[in-house]
């Protein structure tokens, strides 16, 4: 019996350590000390997004009802459910998202936003909840597959995005590359289809949907040299960062985040087949 107990105790201890480690990964602390109402003084939070960026967020029209759906929207709704607040979603052009937080017109932003050092000067961020890569979209057969191929070429990017910043860095090394900024990705895709520009630099998950809908186009990944990944943005000093992070940790640890990635990215869901982003079913 002593021999058995001597073997059993370290085994139980080891299991406790393993379970504790798993629980810590799922969330640093599993309880939210204060409710959202106690933290913010309200039980309804406003999220602002730029709904032109499938599969993160885009408009769906179904049976006469038009609403914003997508990967970010599913995550935001899950956070609202977990933390017990009512979620209101408003829209803006991408370059207006951070100003909306600074003007206290929103409690948080989800829009596939990368937490760059420059943005961190103006807003706070959650942990990274998803990571993606930049790509070059170009007409098939154009041989524009690498940054150096963009020499003397006109290239579109979405205004205010990390891709705009990355394209500017590429342009410093590629002679004659001209950058044009537009507010909405569908407008950018129309420009490349009409031959007004040679290529587009956009995130790979977004490129997949538009190339599926426009088979005359193709895309190729760009090796990443900058910070990447998507995070939730908050006003500076927001007390929401910690409770939101706890839910994101839970979603990652439980496999729920993986399930949403599969739903929206592997492959794109049916609505992604629309090149106009606003989809009618």
Protein backbone atom coordinates (compact mmCIF):
# COMPACT_ATOMS: atom_id res chain seq x y z
CA UNK A 1 0.00 0.00 0.00
CA UNK A 2 2.81 2.40 0.83
CA UNK A 3 4.45 1.57 -2.47
CA UNK A 4 1.18 2.36 -4.31
CA UNK A 5 0.64 5.63 -2.45
CA UNK A 6 4.20 6.67 -3.14
CA UNK A 7 3.57 6.18 -6.87
CA UNK A 8 0.08 7.74 -6.86
CA UNK A 9 0.94 11.01 -5.13
CA UNK A 10 3.44 12.34 -7.71
CA UNK A 11 1.09 11.21 -10.49
CA UNK A 12 -1.84 13.18 -9.03
CA UNK A 13 0.45 16.14 -8.42
CA UNK A 14 1.63 16.00 -12.03
CA UNK A 15 -1.96 15.92 -13.29
CA UNK A 16 -2.86 18.92 -11.14
CA UNK A 17 0.09 20.85 -12.55
CA UNK A 18 -0.91 19.97 -16.13
CA UNK A 19 -4.55 20.95 -15.60
CA UNK A 20 -3.48 24.21 -13.95
CA UNK A 21 -1.21 25.00 -16.87
CA UNK A 22 -4.01 24.37 -19.36
CA UNK A 23 -6.41 26.55 -17.36
CA UNK A 24 -3.81 29.33 -17.30
CA UNK A 25 -3.49 29.18 -21.10
CA UNK A 26 -7.25 29.28 -21.59
CA UNK A 27 -7.36 32.43 -19.46
CA UNK A 28 -4.83 33.98 -17.05
CA UNK A 29 -7.69 34.19 -14.51
CA UNK A 30 -11.05 32.62 -15.21
CA UNK A 31 -13.22 35.10 -13.30
CA UNK A 32 -14.04 38.63 -14.40
CA UNK A 33 -13.70 40.70 -11.25
CA UNK A 34 -16.23 43.34 -12.25
CA UNK A 35 -19.12 43.46 -14.66
CA UNK A 36 -18.92 45.59 -17.79
CA UNK A 37 -21.45 47.97 -16.26
CA UNK A 38 -19.24 48.39 -13.20
CA UNK A 39 -16.21 48.99 -15.41
CA UNK A 40 -17.78 51.40 -17.89
CA UNK A 41 -21.00 52.67 -16.31
CA UNK A 42 -23.12 51.17 -19.11
CA UNK A 43 -24.43 47.80 -20.23
CA UNK A 44 -24.32 48.53 -23.99
CA UNK A 45 -21.03 48.87 -25.88
CA UNK A 46 -20.48 50.30 -29.36
CA UNK A 47 -18.14 48.61 -31.79
CA UNK A 48 -17.07 50.40 -34.99
CA UNK A 49 -15.88 48.49 -38.04
CA UNK A 50 -15.19 48.96 -41.76
CA UNK A 51 -17.55 46.45 -43.43
CA UNK A 52 -15.76 46.13 -46.77
CA UNK A 53 -13.20 43.53 -45.76
CA UNK A 54 -14.47 39.96 -46.21
CA UNK A 55 -14.33 37.60 -44.45
CA UNK A 56 -13.63 39.82 -41.42
CA UNK A 57 -16.67 42.07 -41.89
CA UNK A 58 -18.98 42.76 -44.83
CA UNK A 59 -22.64 43.39 -45.65
CA UNK A 60 -25.08 40.56 -46.27
CA UNK A 61 -28.54 41.25 -47.72
CA UNK A 62 -30.97 38.41 -47.12
CA UNK A 63 -34.75 38.51 -47.51
CA UNK A 64 -34.68 42.30 -47.62
CA UNK A 65 -32.59 42.65 -44.45
CA UNK A 66 -29.11 44.14 -44.74
CA UNK A 67 -26.65 43.49 -41.94
CA UNK A 68 -22.93 43.25 -41.24
CA UNK A 69 -21.56 39.73 -40.77
CA UNK A 70 -18.12 38.09 -40.68
CA UNK A 71 -15.32 36.62 -38.62
CA UNK A 72 -14.86 39.72 -36.44
CA UNK A 73 -18.61 40.02 -35.92
CA UNK A 74 -18.86 36.45 -34.65
CA UNK A 75 -16.01 37.08 -32.21
CA UNK A 76 -17.55 40.35 -31.02
CA UNK A 77 -20.92 38.67 -30.44
CA UNK A 78 -19.23 35.88 -28.48
CA UNK A 79 -17.42 38.40 -26.28
CA UNK A 80 -20.69 40.26 -25.69
CA UNK A 81 -22.36 37.00 -24.69
CA UNK A 82 -19.54 36.03 -22.33
CA UNK A 83 -19.26 39.44 -20.65
CA UNK A 84 -22.98 40.20 -20.56
CA UNK A 85 -23.33 43.41 -22.52
CA UNK A 86 -25.50 44.48 -25.46
CA UNK A 87 -23.50 45.02 -28.65
CA UNK A 88 -24.16 47.86 -31.10
CA UNK A 89 -22.22 47.86 -34.39
CA UNK A 90 -21.54 51.01 -36.39
CA UNK A 91 -19.54 51.48 -39.59
CA UNK A 92 -16.81 53.79 -40.80
CA UNK A 93 -14.12 53.94 -43.45
CA UNK A 94 -11.01 52.19 -42.16
CA UNK A 95 -9.04 55.41 -41.73
CA UNK A 96 -11.81 56.76 -39.48
CA UNK A 97 -11.71 53.90 -36.97
CA UNK A 98 -8.97 55.14 -34.64
CA UNK A 99 -10.31 58.74 -34.71
CA UNK A 100 -13.70 57.31 -33.63
CA UNK A 101 -12.04 55.77 -30.56
CA UNK A 102 -10.14 58.96 -29.80
CA UNK A 103 -13.37 60.99 -30.04
CA UNK A 104 -15.09 58.50 -27.67
CA UNK A 105 -17.63 57.62 -30.35
CA UNK A 106 -16.91 53.92 -29.85
CA UNK A 107 -15.87 51.55 -27.06
CA UNK A 108 -13.80 49.29 -29.31
CA UNK A 109 -12.88 48.57 -32.92
CA UNK A 110 -12.67 45.25 -34.75
CA UNK A 111 -11.62 45.44 -38.39
CA UNK A 112 -8.76 43.03 -38.96
CA UNK A 113 -6.51 45.73 -37.48
CA UNK A 114 -2.79 45.12 -36.88
CA UNK A 115 -1.38 46.62 -33.64
CA UNK A 116 1.57 48.49 -35.14
CA UNK A 117 3.88 50.62 -32.96
CA UNK A 118 2.43 53.77 -34.56
CA UNK A 119 -1.15 52.76 -33.75
CA UNK A 120 -0.17 51.80 -30.21
CA UNK A 121 0.70 55.45 -29.61
CA UNK A 122 -2.98 56.35 -30.04
CA UNK A 123 -4.97 53.31 -28.87
CA UNK A 124 -4.64 50.19 -26.72
CA UNK A 125 -4.90 46.68 -28.15
CA UNK A 126 -5.99 43.22 -27.10
CA UNK A 127 -3.89 40.14 -27.70
CA UNK A 128 -3.55 38.98 -31.33
CA UNK A 129 -6.56 36.83 -32.17
CA UNK A 130 -5.66 35.94 -35.78
CA UNK A 131 -2.60 36.28 -38.00
CA UNK A 132 -2.61 36.62 -41.80
CA UNK A 133 -0.13 37.63 -44.52
CA UNK A 134 0.08 40.30 -47.23
CA UNK A 135 -0.31 39.29 -50.86
CA UNK A 136 -0.01 40.78 -54.34
CA UNK A 137 -3.18 40.46 -56.45
CA UNK A 138 -2.52 40.85 -60.18
CA UNK A 139 -4.03 39.65 -63.48
CA UNK A 140 -3.13 36.08 -64.36
CA UNK A 141 -0.10 35.92 -66.63
CA UNK A 142 1.19 39.33 -65.58
CA UNK A 143 4.14 37.76 -63.69
CA UNK A 144 3.74 40.23 -60.82
CA UNK A 145 4.45 37.73 -58.08
CA UNK A 146 7.17 39.42 -55.99
CA UNK A 147 7.69 42.94 -54.62
CA UNK A 148 10.55 43.57 -57.07
CA UNK A 149 8.17 42.83 -59.97
CA UNK A 150 6.27 46.03 -59.08
CA UNK A 151 9.01 48.24 -60.51
CA UNK A 152 7.44 51.15 -62.49
CA UNK A 153 3.96 49.79 -61.69
CA UNK A 154 0.87 51.46 -60.17
CA UNK A 155 -0.34 49.59 -57.07
CA UNK A 156 -3.57 50.05 -55.08
CA UNK A 157 -3.91 49.68 -51.30
CA UNK A 158 -6.71 50.40 -48.84
CA UNK A 159 -6.29 53.74 -47.08
CA UNK A 160 -5.26 53.50 -43.43
CA UNK A 161 -4.41 49.79 -43.44
CA UNK A 162 -1.18 48.03 -42.52
CA UNK A 163 -0.93 47.09 -46.21
CA UNK A 164 -0.65 50.79 -47.06
CA UNK A 165 2.28 51.14 -44.67
CA UNK A 166 3.91 47.96 -45.93
CA UNK A 167 3.49 49.05 -49.56
CA UNK A 168 5.25 52.33 -48.78
CA UNK A 169 8.17 50.37 -47.35
CA UNK A 170 8.29 48.22 -50.48
CA UNK A 171 8.19 51.34 -52.68
CA UNK A 172 11.34 52.64 -50.97
CA UNK A 173 13.19 49.61 -52.36
CA UNK A 174 11.42 49.23 -55.72
CA UNK A 175 12.17 52.03 -58.25
CA UNK A 176 9.18 53.64 -59.93
CA UNK A 177 6.50 51.86 -57.90
CA UNK A 178 3.51 54.19 -57.50
CA UNK A 179 1.01 53.76 -54.68
CA UNK A 180 -2.65 54.74 -54.91
CA UNK A 181 -4.92 54.65 -51.85
CA UNK A 182 -8.67 54.01 -51.95
CA UNK A 183 -11.17 53.66 -49.10
CA UNK A 184 -12.85 50.40 -50.09
CA UNK A 185 -11.42 47.07 -51.26
CA UNK A 186 -14.20 46.39 -53.82
CA UNK A 187 -13.32 49.69 -55.55
CA UNK A 188 -9.68 48.61 -55.61
CA UNK A 189 -10.59 45.29 -57.23
CA UNK A 190 -12.63 47.09 -59.89
CA UNK A 191 -9.61 49.27 -60.70
CA UNK A 192 -7.35 46.29 -61.31
CA UNK A 193 -10.03 44.57 -63.40
CA UNK A 194 -10.41 47.68 -65.56
CA UNK A 195 -6.65 47.99 -66.04
CA UNK A 196 -6.31 51.29 -64.18
CA UNK A 197 -3.61 49.82 -61.94
CA UNK A 198 -1.26 46.86 -62.25
CA UNK A 199 -1.60 45.18 -58.87
CA UNK A 200 -3.13 45.30 -55.39
CA UNK A 201 -1.52 44.61 -52.02
CA UNK A 202 -4.05 43.13 -49.62
CA UNK A 203 -4.30 40.49 -46.87
CA UNK A 204 -4.31 36.85 -48.02
CA UNK A 205 -7.67 35.95 -46.49
CA UNK A 206 -9.29 38.88 -48.29
CA UNK A 207 -7.42 38.10 -51.52
CA UNK A 208 -8.76 34.53 -51.51
CA UNK A 209 -12.39 35.61 -51.69
CA UNK A 210 -11.90 38.21 -54.39
CA UNK A 211 -9.77 35.91 -56.55
CA UNK A 212 -12.38 33.15 -56.21
CA UNK A 213 -14.97 35.63 -57.47
CA UNK A 214 -12.67 36.95 -60.22
CA UNK A 215 -10.80 34.00 -61.78
CA UNK A 216 -8.91 36.30 -64.15
CA UNK A 217 -6.90 37.41 -61.10
CA UNK A 218 -4.31 35.59 -59.00
CA UNK A 219 -2.43 36.33 -55.78
CA UNK A 220 0.98 35.54 -54.31
CA UNK A 221 2.13 35.96 -50.69
CA UNK A 222 4.72 38.56 -49.68
CA UNK A 223 7.28 37.45 -47.05
CA UNK A 224 6.47 39.36 -43.83
CA UNK A 225 9.05 41.77 -42.44
CA UNK A 226 6.64 43.78 -40.27
CA UNK A 227 4.43 43.10 -37.25
CA UNK A 228 1.33 41.18 -38.32
CA UNK A 229 -1.92 39.81 -36.93
CA UNK A 230 -5.31 41.22 -35.95
CA UNK A 231 -6.25 42.63 -32.54
CA UNK A 232 -9.12 44.57 -30.96
CA UNK A 233 -8.46 48.31 -30.55
CA UNK A 234 -9.64 50.35 -27.54
CA UNK A 235 -9.33 53.97 -26.42
CA UNK A 236 -6.17 54.64 -24.46
CA UNK A 237 -6.53 53.49 -20.86
CA UNK A 238 -9.68 51.45 -21.53
CA UNK A 239 -10.66 49.08 -18.72
CA UNK A 240 -12.11 46.68 -21.29
CA UNK A 241 -8.76 45.29 -22.45
CA UNK A 242 -8.37 42.77 -19.60
CA UNK A 243 -11.88 41.22 -19.70
CA UNK A 244 -11.82 41.07 -23.51
CA UNK A 245 -8.43 39.33 -23.40
CA UNK A 246 -9.80 36.77 -20.97
CA UNK A 247 -12.54 35.81 -23.42
CA UNK A 248 -10.05 35.66 -26.32
CA UNK A 249 -7.80 33.37 -24.25
CA UNK A 250 -10.79 31.13 -23.52
CA UNK A 251 -11.78 31.02 -27.19
CA UNK A 252 -8.24 30.09 -28.21
CA UNK A 253 -7.80 27.50 -25.50
CA UNK A 254 -11.18 25.83 -26.04
CA UNK A 255 -10.84 25.54 -29.82
CA UNK A 256 -13.72 27.96 -30.46
CA UNK A 257 -11.44 30.43 -32.27
CA UNK A 258 -10.15 27.62 -34.49
CA UNK A 259 -13.74 26.69 -35.37
CA UNK A 260 -14.46 30.29 -36.43
CA UNK A 261 -11.29 30.39 -38.54
CA UNK A 262 -12.46 27.23 -40.30
CA UNK A 263 -15.93 28.70 -40.79
CA UNK A 264 -14.76 31.93 -42.41
CA UNK A 265 -11.41 31.16 -44.01
CA UNK A 266 -11.18 27.43 -44.97
CA UNK A 267 -12.52 27.96 -47.58
CA UNK A 268 -14.54 31.16 -47.71
CA UNK A 269 -18.21 30.70 -46.98
CA UNK A 270 -20.74 31.07 -49.81
CA UNK A 271 -21.17 34.87 -49.44
CA UNK A 272 -17.49 35.31 -50.28
CA UNK A 273 -18.29 34.49 -53.89
CA UNK A 274 -19.61 38.03 -54.40
CA UNK A 275 -17.09 40.52 -55.78
CA UNK A 276 -19.30 43.38 -54.58
CA UNK A 277 -19.06 42.41 -50.89
CA UNK A 278 -22.72 43.36 -50.38
CA UNK A 279 -24.35 39.96 -50.84
CA UNK A 280 -27.95 39.05 -51.55
CA UNK A 281 -29.26 35.56 -50.78
